[in-house]
Amino acid sequence: MKNRIPLVLLNDVEDQISQHFSANELIDLTYQFAQSFNKHIPIEVPDYALFNNKKELLSKNLDALSDEQKVDFLSQIKYHSRLSEDDFLRDEIDLLVKDASDGVIKARNSVSTLLETYSIDLKNQWQRTYRFYDHLDYRNALDNMRLTIELLIKRITGSEASLENQKSALGKFFEDKDISKEVRNLFFKMLDMYEKIQNHEAKHNLPQNLNSKEIKFLMNQSTVIIKFLIDCDKGIS
């Protein structure tokens, strides 16, 4: 998968950040942040047998994070008191965050373009989903994402059945597209779990039991489902 973060800029930012902190402090900062995502950093003690310099320490620990998590980390550390007078570094962090965000926007827009080939309503439904998500309105974001998937499946199968009752029509669709039984079963398991979480957390209640990381996971899974369906329908390899 293509890295959404410009690596040259990231290396420069890491190098500059490392000059403002000791090895112990860099470990503490990355450890505390990684723990919030249940991630483990590779360097938890300042043992120079594990790294050559502080920049390498920071790079290795940040590599344990996803691109989005790296961006979150940098967005937060920008406001650390140690960086308050380093305007150049803060500007570079802003530039890196913007470039990474542009990558996310491009990914969203690529799905919008694909959905528009089915109908403008599907495209608009998808865009409403992320407008709600960007404004932290998770209930409506999940509702609209579910509706996007349901409308797409109806267009693909030609069946007006609800999402819960599309398994037979989808099964025939996948068979016609020569999708293996194993992949079909995996898709239906993923869709089944997605429906259960949606029904429990979003369809009948505010998603109070889901944290922001779980909401983001559901949104990402929805994107995987949509792109797989479109790839199958259009014969994209």
Protein backbone atom coordinates (compact mmCIF):
# COMPACT_ATOMS: atom_id res chain seq x y z
CA MET A 1 0.00 0.00 0.00
CA LYS A 2 1.32 3.42 -0.90
CA ASN A 3 2.46 5.49 2.07
CA ARG A 4 0.33 8.61 2.37
CA ILE A 5 3.02 10.47 4.33
CA PRO A 6 5.83 12.12 2.31
CA LEU A 7 8.85 10.19 3.61
CA VAL A 8 11.49 12.84 2.93
CA LEU A 9 9.53 15.40 4.90
CA LEU A 10 8.79 12.88 7.66
CA ASN A 11 12.51 12.06 8.03
CA ASP A 12 13.34 15.75 8.32
CA VAL A 13 10.60 16.35 10.90
CA GLU A 14 11.74 13.34 12.96
CA ASP A 15 15.33 14.59 12.85
CA GLN A 16 14.33 18.04 14.10
CA ILE A 17 11.99 16.72 16.81
CA SER A 18 14.72 14.43 18.15
CA GLN A 19 16.95 17.46 18.77
CA HIS A 20 14.45 18.87 21.27
CA PHE A 21 14.21 15.79 23.51
CA SER A 22 16.42 13.27 25.28
CA ALA A 23 16.28 9.57 24.39
CA ASN A 24 14.31 8.87 27.57
CA GLU A 25 11.82 11.60 26.76
CA LEU A 26 11.31 10.34 23.20
CA ILE A 27 10.66 6.86 24.55
CA ASP A 28 8.16 8.21 27.10
CA LEU A 29 6.34 10.29 24.47
CA THR A 30 6.04 7.48 21.93
CA TYR A 31 5.26 4.85 24.58
CA GLN A 32 2.37 6.83 26.08
CA PHE A 33 0.94 7.61 22.65
CA ALA A 34 1.26 4.03 21.36
CA GLN A 35 -0.43 2.69 24.50
CA SER A 36 -3.54 4.74 23.71
CA PHE A 37 -3.89 2.62 20.55
CA ASN A 38 -2.84 -0.65 22.23
CA LYS A 39 0.35 -0.60 20.18
CA HIS A 40 3.83 -1.61 21.35
CA ILE A 41 6.93 0.36 20.43
CA PRO A 42 10.13 -1.59 19.65
CA ILE A 43 12.43 0.56 21.81
CA GLU A 44 11.28 0.98 25.41
CA VAL A 45 14.67 1.54 27.06
CA PRO A 46 17.48 3.94 26.05
CA ASP A 47 19.86 1.16 25.01
CA TYR A 48 22.13 2.50 22.26
CA ALA A 49 22.72 -1.06 21.08
CA LEU A 50 19.16 -0.80 19.68
CA PHE A 51 19.63 2.49 17.81
CA ASN A 52 22.43 4.72 16.57
CA ASN A 53 20.96 8.10 17.46
CA LYS A 54 17.82 9.76 18.78
CA LYS A 55 16.39 10.30 15.31
CA GLU A 56 16.62 6.56 14.59
CA LEU A 57 14.99 5.82 17.96
CA LEU A 58 12.06 8.09 17.10
CA SER A 59 11.73 6.67 13.58
CA LYS A 60 11.69 3.06 14.78
CA ASN A 61 9.07 3.76 17.43
CA LEU A 62 6.85 5.74 15.05
CA ASP A 63 7.08 2.90 12.52
CA ALA A 64 4.97 0.85 14.95
CA LEU A 65 2.09 3.24 14.20
CA SER A 66 -0.19 3.55 11.19
CA ASP A 67 0.07 6.61 8.94
CA GLU A 68 -2.98 8.16 10.59
CA GLN A 69 -1.56 7.53 14.05
CA LYS A 70 1.77 9.10 13.06
CA VAL A 71 -0.10 12.18 11.88
CA ASP A 72 -2.02 12.29 15.19
CA PHE A 73 1.25 12.04 17.13
CA LEU A 74 2.88 14.84 15.16
CA SER A 75 -0.23 17.01 15.41
CA GLN A 76 -0.08 16.69 19.20
CA ILE A 77 3.66 17.09 19.71
CA LYS A 78 3.56 20.29 17.67
CA TYR A 79 2.01 21.95 20.75
CA HIS A 80 4.65 20.68 23.18
CA SER A 81 6.34 23.52 25.06
CA ARG A 82 9.75 22.40 23.75
CA LEU A 83 8.65 23.25 20.21
CA SER A 84 6.93 26.52 21.05
CA GLU A 85 9.74 28.68 19.67
CA ASP A 86 10.71 26.48 16.72
CA ASP A 87 8.45 28.05 14.11
CA PHE A 88 10.21 26.33 11.22
CA LEU A 89 9.60 22.85 12.67
CA ARG A 90 5.99 23.66 13.53
CA ASP A 91 5.45 24.84 9.94
CA GLU A 92 6.99 21.63 8.60
CA ILE A 93 4.67 19.56 10.80
CA ASP A 94 1.70 21.54 9.47
CA LEU A 95 2.84 20.85 5.90
CA LEU A 96 3.27 17.14 6.58
CA VAL A 97 -0.16 16.87 8.21
CA LYS A 98 -1.76 18.71 5.29
CA ASP A 99 -0.08 16.44 2.72
CA ALA A 100 -1.21 13.33 4.62
CA SER A 101 -4.75 14.70 4.91
CA ASP A 102 -4.80 15.39 1.17
CA GLY A 103 -4.04 11.69 0.67
CA VAL A 104 -7.09 10.74 2.74
CA ILE A 105 -9.23 13.16 0.73
CA LYS A 106 -7.99 11.63 -2.54
CA ALA A 107 -8.91 8.15 -1.28
CA ARG A 108 -12.41 9.35 -0.39
CA ASN A 109 -12.79 11.06 -3.74
CA SER A 110 -11.73 7.94 -5.63
CA VAL A 111 -14.62 6.03 -4.03
CA SER A 112 -16.94 8.96 -4.80
CA THR A 113 -15.97 8.72 -8.46
CA LEU A 114 -16.63 4.97 -8.52
CA LEU A 115 -20.03 5.35 -6.86
CA GLU A 116 -21.01 8.12 -9.28
CA THR A 117 -20.87 5.57 -12.11
CA TYR A 118 -23.91 3.93 -10.49
CA SER A 119 -25.87 7.04 -9.53
CA ILE A 120 -25.39 10.57 -8.27
CA ASP A 121 -27.50 9.61 -5.24
CA LEU A 122 -24.96 6.97 -4.21
CA LYS A 123 -22.12 9.47 -4.53
CA ASN A 124 -24.03 12.04 -2.46
CA GLN A 125 -24.85 9.43 0.18
CA TRP A 126 -21.14 8.58 0.51
CA GLN A 127 -20.15 12.24 0.78
CA ARG A 128 -22.80 12.86 3.45
CA THR A 129 -21.29 10.00 5.42
CA TYR A 130 -17.91 11.71 5.70
CA ARG A 131 -19.39 15.14 6.33
CA PHE A 132 -21.05 13.68 9.42
CA TYR A 133 -17.86 11.80 10.36
CA ASP A 134 -15.66 14.88 10.01
CA HIS A 135 -18.03 16.74 12.35
CA LEU A 136 -17.88 13.88 14.90
CA ASP A 137 -21.56 13.04 14.32
CA TYR A 138 -20.88 9.30 14.46
CA ARG A 139 -24.51 8.19 14.69
CA ASN A 140 -25.42 9.79 11.37
CA ALA A 141 -22.08 8.84 9.82
CA LEU A 142 -22.69 5.14 10.51
CA ASP A 143 -26.34 5.36 9.43
CA ASN A 144 -25.37 6.95 6.12
CA MET A 145 -22.52 4.50 5.53
CA ARG A 146 -24.88 1.57 6.08
CA LEU A 147 -27.37 3.09 3.65
CA THR A 148 -24.61 3.60 1.06
CA ILE A 149 -23.71 -0.09 1.23
CA GLU A 150 -27.36 -1.14 1.08
CA LEU A 151 -28.11 1.05 -1.95
CA LEU A 152 -24.98 -0.18 -3.77
CA ILE A 153 -25.89 -3.82 -3.17
CA LYS A 154 -29.42 -3.19 -4.44
CA ARG A 155 -28.02 -1.67 -7.63
CA ILE A 156 -25.59 -4.56 -8.13
CA THR A 157 -27.98 -7.44 -7.39
CA GLY A 158 -31.17 -5.88 -8.77
CA SER A 159 -32.93 -6.95 -5.57
CA GLU A 160 -34.85 -4.47 -3.41
CA ALA A 161 -34.41 -6.62 -0.29
CA SER A 162 -32.96 -5.04 2.84
CA LEU A 163 -29.26 -5.44 3.60
CA GLU A 164 -29.98 -8.31 6.02
CA ASN A 165 -31.87 -10.22 3.31
CA GLN A 166 -29.43 -9.85 0.42
CA LYS A 167 -27.29 -12.94 1.12
CA SER A 168 -28.93 -15.14 -1.52
CA ALA A 169 -28.78 -12.48 -4.24
CA LEU A 170 -25.20 -11.57 -3.31
CA GLY A 171 -24.20 -15.24 -3.31
CA LYS A 172 -25.45 -15.63 -6.88
CA PHE A 173 -23.72 -12.38 -7.88
CA PHE A 174 -20.38 -13.62 -6.52
CA GLU A 175 -20.79 -17.01 -8.18
CA ASP A 176 -21.46 -15.32 -11.52
CA LYS A 177 -18.27 -13.30 -11.00
CA ASP A 178 -16.24 -16.47 -10.24
CA ILE A 179 -15.47 -15.41 -6.67
CA SER A 180 -14.21 -18.43 -4.71
CA LYS A 181 -16.29 -19.99 -1.97
CA GLU A 182 -13.62 -19.13 0.62
CA VAL A 183 -13.63 -15.44 -0.30
CA ARG A 184 -17.44 -15.40 -0.43
CA ASN A 185 -17.59 -16.87 3.06
CA LEU A 186 -15.05 -14.35 4.35
CA PHE A 187 -17.03 -11.48 2.84
CA PHE A 188 -20.32 -12.68 4.35
CA LYS A 189 -18.72 -13.10 7.78
CA MET A 190 -17.34 -9.57 7.58
CA LEU A 191 -20.70 -8.21 6.39
CA ASP A 192 -22.55 -10.14 9.11
CA MET A 193 -20.36 -8.75 11.90
CA TYR A 194 -20.61 -5.28 10.38
CA GLU A 195 -24.43 -5.53 10.37
CA LYS A 196 -24.55 -6.75 13.98
CA ILE A 197 -22.41 -3.88 15.24
CA GLN A 198 -24.36 -1.38 13.15
CA ASN A 199 -27.71 -2.68 14.39
CA HIS A 200 -26.62 -2.71 18.02
CA GLU A 201 -24.68 0.53 18.18
CA ALA A 202 -26.02 2.81 15.47
CA LYS A 203 -29.40 1.73 14.17
CA HIS A 204 -31.15 1.71 17.54
CA ASN A 205 -28.88 3.72 19.83
CA LEU A 206 -26.32 6.45 19.84
CA PRO A 207 -22.93 4.72 19.42
CA GLN A 208 -21.97 5.48 23.01
CA ASN A 209 -20.21 2.14 23.48
CA LEU A 210 -17.81 2.74 20.58
CA ASN A 211 -14.74 4.93 20.88
CA SER A 212 -13.31 7.00 18.04
CA LYS A 213 -10.81 4.29 17.03
CA GLU A 214 -13.64 1.76 16.71
CA ILE A 215 -15.75 4.18 14.68
CA LYS A 216 -12.78 4.75 12.36
CA PHE A 217 -12.34 0.97 12.03
CA LEU A 218 -15.99 0.57 11.01
CA MET A 219 -15.66 3.37 8.46
CA ASN A 220 -12.56 1.72 7.00
CA GLN A 221 -14.29 -1.67 6.85
CA SER A 222 -17.19 -0.05 5.03
CA THR A 223 -14.78 1.29 2.44
CA VAL A 224 -13.27 -2.19 1.95
CA ILE A 225 -16.77 -3.65 1.45
CA ILE A 226 -17.74 -0.97 -1.08
CA LYS A 227 -14.54 -1.24 -3.11
CA PHE A 228 -14.68 -5.04 -3.20
CA LEU A 229 -18.27 -4.98 -4.46
CA ILE A 230 -17.42 -2.45 -7.17
CA ASP A 231 -14.27 -4.35 -8.21
CA CYS A 232 -16.32 -7.54 -8.57
CA ASP A 233 -19.13 -5.83 -10.44
CA LYS A 234 -16.85 -4.05 -12.90
CA GLY A 235 -14.33 -6.87 -13.24
CA ILE A 236 -11.47 -4.78 -11.84
CA SER A 237 -8.43 -6.91 -11.01
